Amino acid sequence: MLYQAVLDTPVGRLLIEGTHIAVTAVRFVTPDTPAGKSCPVVNLARKQLQEYFKGRRKKFDVPLSLEGRSEFQRGVLEHVAAIEYGQTSTYADIARRVKRVTGPRAVGQANARNPISIIIPCHRVLGTNGKLTGYGGGIQAKEWLLKHEKAILA
């Protein structure tokens, strides 16, 4: 069974989904999106996201599930998850780390398919030139999140 909670944030409404075992999604939704029934894991993720937006949390420790993702996508998202609060990386840098030197575009596509936004901080990944590039919540949300974390912007 899939459980849900919503959270209104400075960058928009988030829908948090998961099971009794792990969070499976955090995604941007429209302001009128309702939530279904929740569970302790989803409630914990909601609480930790609230703390993050209030500036009281830099790391998340809720269990996550990337089930259904390819090995490559999981590898990319694991590297993205390791980017520290207030830091950034580039698609090319992550491509080198997952041993796909010619694959910044593939890394970008895997990052774009991140099902667990903010907790897996895909907003911390920049273009090779250091510029802000696509983000599921929009470039303005990405910029807000990086400024919130006081990350260095190009």
Protein backbone atom coordinates (compact mmCIF):
# COMPACT_ATOMS: atom_id res chain seq x y z
CA MET A 1 0.00 0.00 0.00
CA LEU A 2 1.18 3.53 -0.81
CA TYR A 3 0.82 6.27 1.80
CA GLN A 4 0.94 10.03 1.27
CA ALA A 5 1.31 13.43 2.88
CA VAL A 6 1.49 16.92 1.42
CA LEU A 7 3.66 19.79 2.52
CA ASP A 8 3.35 23.41 1.44
CA THR A 9 6.81 24.95 1.11
CA PRO A 10 8.35 28.21 -0.12
CA VAL A 11 9.00 26.48 -3.47
CA GLY A 12 5.56 24.90 -3.87
CA ARG A 13 3.48 21.99 -2.67
CA LEU A 14 5.23 18.66 -2.25
CA LEU A 15 3.59 15.25 -2.26
CA ILE A 16 5.46 12.71 -0.16
CA GLU A 17 4.75 9.05 -0.88
CA GLY A 18 5.97 5.86 0.65
CA THR A 19 5.31 2.54 2.28
CA HIS A 20 5.65 1.44 5.88
CA ILE A 21 9.28 0.72 5.00
CA ALA A 22 10.58 3.66 2.91
CA VAL A 23 9.87 6.91 1.12
CA THR A 24 9.35 6.26 -2.59
CA ALA A 25 8.68 9.79 -3.87
CA VAL A 26 8.81 13.48 -3.06
CA ARG A 27 7.51 15.47 -5.96
CA PHE A 28 6.13 18.87 -6.82
CA VAL A 29 2.36 18.96 -7.30
CA THR A 30 -0.34 21.57 -7.83
CA PRO A 31 -1.57 23.56 -4.82
CA ASP A 32 -4.91 21.72 -4.80
CA THR A 33 -3.43 18.19 -4.79
CA PRO A 34 -4.89 16.29 -1.83
CA ALA A 35 -3.04 13.64 0.15
CA GLY A 36 -4.22 10.17 0.96
CA LYS A 37 -3.69 8.24 4.17
CA SER A 38 -0.27 8.63 5.80
CA CYS A 39 2.04 6.33 7.79
CA PRO A 40 4.97 6.82 10.21
CA VAL A 41 7.70 6.78 7.51
CA VAL A 42 5.87 9.35 5.38
CA ASN A 43 5.15 11.48 8.46
CA LEU A 44 8.84 11.37 9.41
CA ALA A 45 9.82 12.54 5.91
CA ARG A 46 7.28 15.37 6.15
CA LYS A 47 8.69 16.42 9.53
CA GLN A 48 12.27 16.34 8.26
CA LEU A 49 11.34 18.37 5.17
CA GLN A 50 9.64 20.95 7.41
CA GLU A 51 12.83 21.17 9.47
CA TYR A 52 14.88 21.57 6.29
CA PHE A 53 12.75 24.46 5.07
CA LYS A 54 12.98 26.11 8.50
CA GLY A 55 16.79 25.87 8.31
CA ARG A 56 17.02 23.32 11.13
CA ARG A 57 18.04 20.25 9.13
CA LYS A 58 20.93 19.67 6.75
CA LYS A 59 20.75 15.87 6.40
CA PHE A 60 17.84 13.52 5.96
CA ASP A 61 17.79 10.10 7.55
CA VAL A 62 14.50 8.63 6.40
CA PRO A 63 14.69 5.27 4.63
CA LEU A 64 14.44 5.62 0.84
CA SER A 65 13.49 3.22 -1.92
CA LEU A 66 14.75 3.52 -5.49
CA GLU A 67 13.03 0.32 -6.53
CA GLY A 68 12.24 0.20 -10.23
CA ARG A 69 15.27 2.33 -11.20
CA SER A 70 18.06 0.94 -13.35
CA GLU A 71 21.47 0.21 -11.84
CA PHE A 72 22.83 3.29 -13.62
CA GLN A 73 20.04 5.54 -12.31
CA ARG A 74 20.53 4.23 -8.77
CA GLY A 75 24.29 4.86 -9.07
CA VAL A 76 23.74 8.43 -10.23
CA LEU A 77 21.19 9.13 -7.50
CA GLU A 78 23.47 7.65 -4.83
CA HIS A 79 26.19 10.10 -5.92
CA VAL A 80 23.68 12.95 -5.94
CA ALA A 81 22.54 11.96 -2.43
CA ALA A 82 26.15 12.26 -1.26
CA ILE A 83 26.43 15.94 -2.24
CA GLU A 84 26.62 17.78 1.06
CA TYR A 85 24.28 20.57 2.12
CA GLY A 86 25.54 23.88 0.75
CA GLN A 87 27.71 22.18 -1.90
CA THR A 88 27.16 21.62 -5.60
CA SER A 89 28.45 19.26 -8.27
CA THR A 90 28.14 19.07 -12.04
CA TYR A 91 26.68 16.48 -14.39
CA ALA A 92 30.17 15.89 -15.83
CA ASP A 93 31.65 15.36 -12.37
CA ILE A 94 29.00 12.78 -11.50
CA ALA A 95 29.52 11.10 -14.90
CA ARG A 96 33.21 10.67 -14.02
CA ARG A 97 32.30 9.23 -10.61
CA VAL A 98 29.95 6.65 -12.12
CA LYS A 99 32.62 5.89 -14.73
CA ARG A 100 30.62 7.27 -17.63
CA VAL A 101 32.96 10.04 -18.70
CA THR A 102 31.13 10.61 -21.98
CA GLY A 103 27.76 10.64 -20.26
CA PRO A 104 26.91 14.00 -18.65
CA ARG A 105 23.68 13.97 -20.68
CA ALA A 106 22.81 10.48 -19.41
CA VAL A 107 23.55 11.65 -15.87
CA GLY A 108 21.26 14.62 -16.46
CA GLN A 109 18.47 12.33 -17.62
CA ALA A 110 18.91 10.04 -14.59
CA ASN A 111 18.93 13.10 -12.34
CA ALA A 112 15.78 14.42 -14.01
CA ARG A 113 14.07 11.12 -13.14
CA ASN A 114 14.89 11.50 -9.45
CA PRO A 115 11.70 10.35 -7.71
CA ILE A 116 12.68 11.78 -4.31
CA SER A 117 13.26 15.48 -4.84
CA ILE A 118 15.04 17.56 -2.18
CA ILE A 119 15.86 14.54 0.02
CA ILE A 120 17.97 13.27 -2.88
CA PRO A 121 19.24 16.77 -3.69
CA CYS A 122 19.18 16.91 -7.48
CA HIS A 123 18.92 20.70 -7.13
CA ARG A 124 22.61 20.65 -6.13
CA VAL A 125 23.68 19.48 -9.60
CA LEU A 126 24.69 22.22 -12.02
CA GLY A 127 25.62 22.32 -15.68
CA THR A 128 29.29 21.80 -16.50
CA ASN A 129 29.63 25.56 -16.99
CA GLY A 130 28.30 26.08 -13.44
CA LYS A 131 24.93 27.35 -14.62
CA LEU A 132 21.55 26.35 -13.27
CA THR A 133 19.88 23.88 -15.60
CA GLY A 134 16.55 22.07 -15.59
CA TYR A 135 14.78 21.15 -12.39
CA GLY A 136 11.42 19.43 -11.87
CA GLY A 137 10.23 22.21 -9.59
CA GLY A 138 11.46 24.90 -11.99
CA ILE A 139 14.67 26.91 -12.13
CA GLN A 140 13.33 29.45 -9.62
CA ALA A 141 12.79 26.67 -7.08
CA LYS A 142 16.30 25.33 -7.73
CA GLU A 143 17.78 28.77 -7.22
CA TRP A 144 15.76 29.27 -4.02
CA LEU A 145 16.91 25.90 -2.63
CA LEU A 146 20.56 26.66 -3.36
CA LYS A 147 20.31 30.11 -1.79
CA HIS A 148 18.52 28.56 1.21
CA GLU A 149 21.50 26.24 1.59
CA LYS A 150 23.89 29.11 0.84
CA ALA A 151 25.48 27.09 -1.94
CA ILE A 152 27.89 28.84 -4.25
CA LEU A 153 26.13 29.89 -7.44
CA ALA A 154 28.00 30.63 -10.65
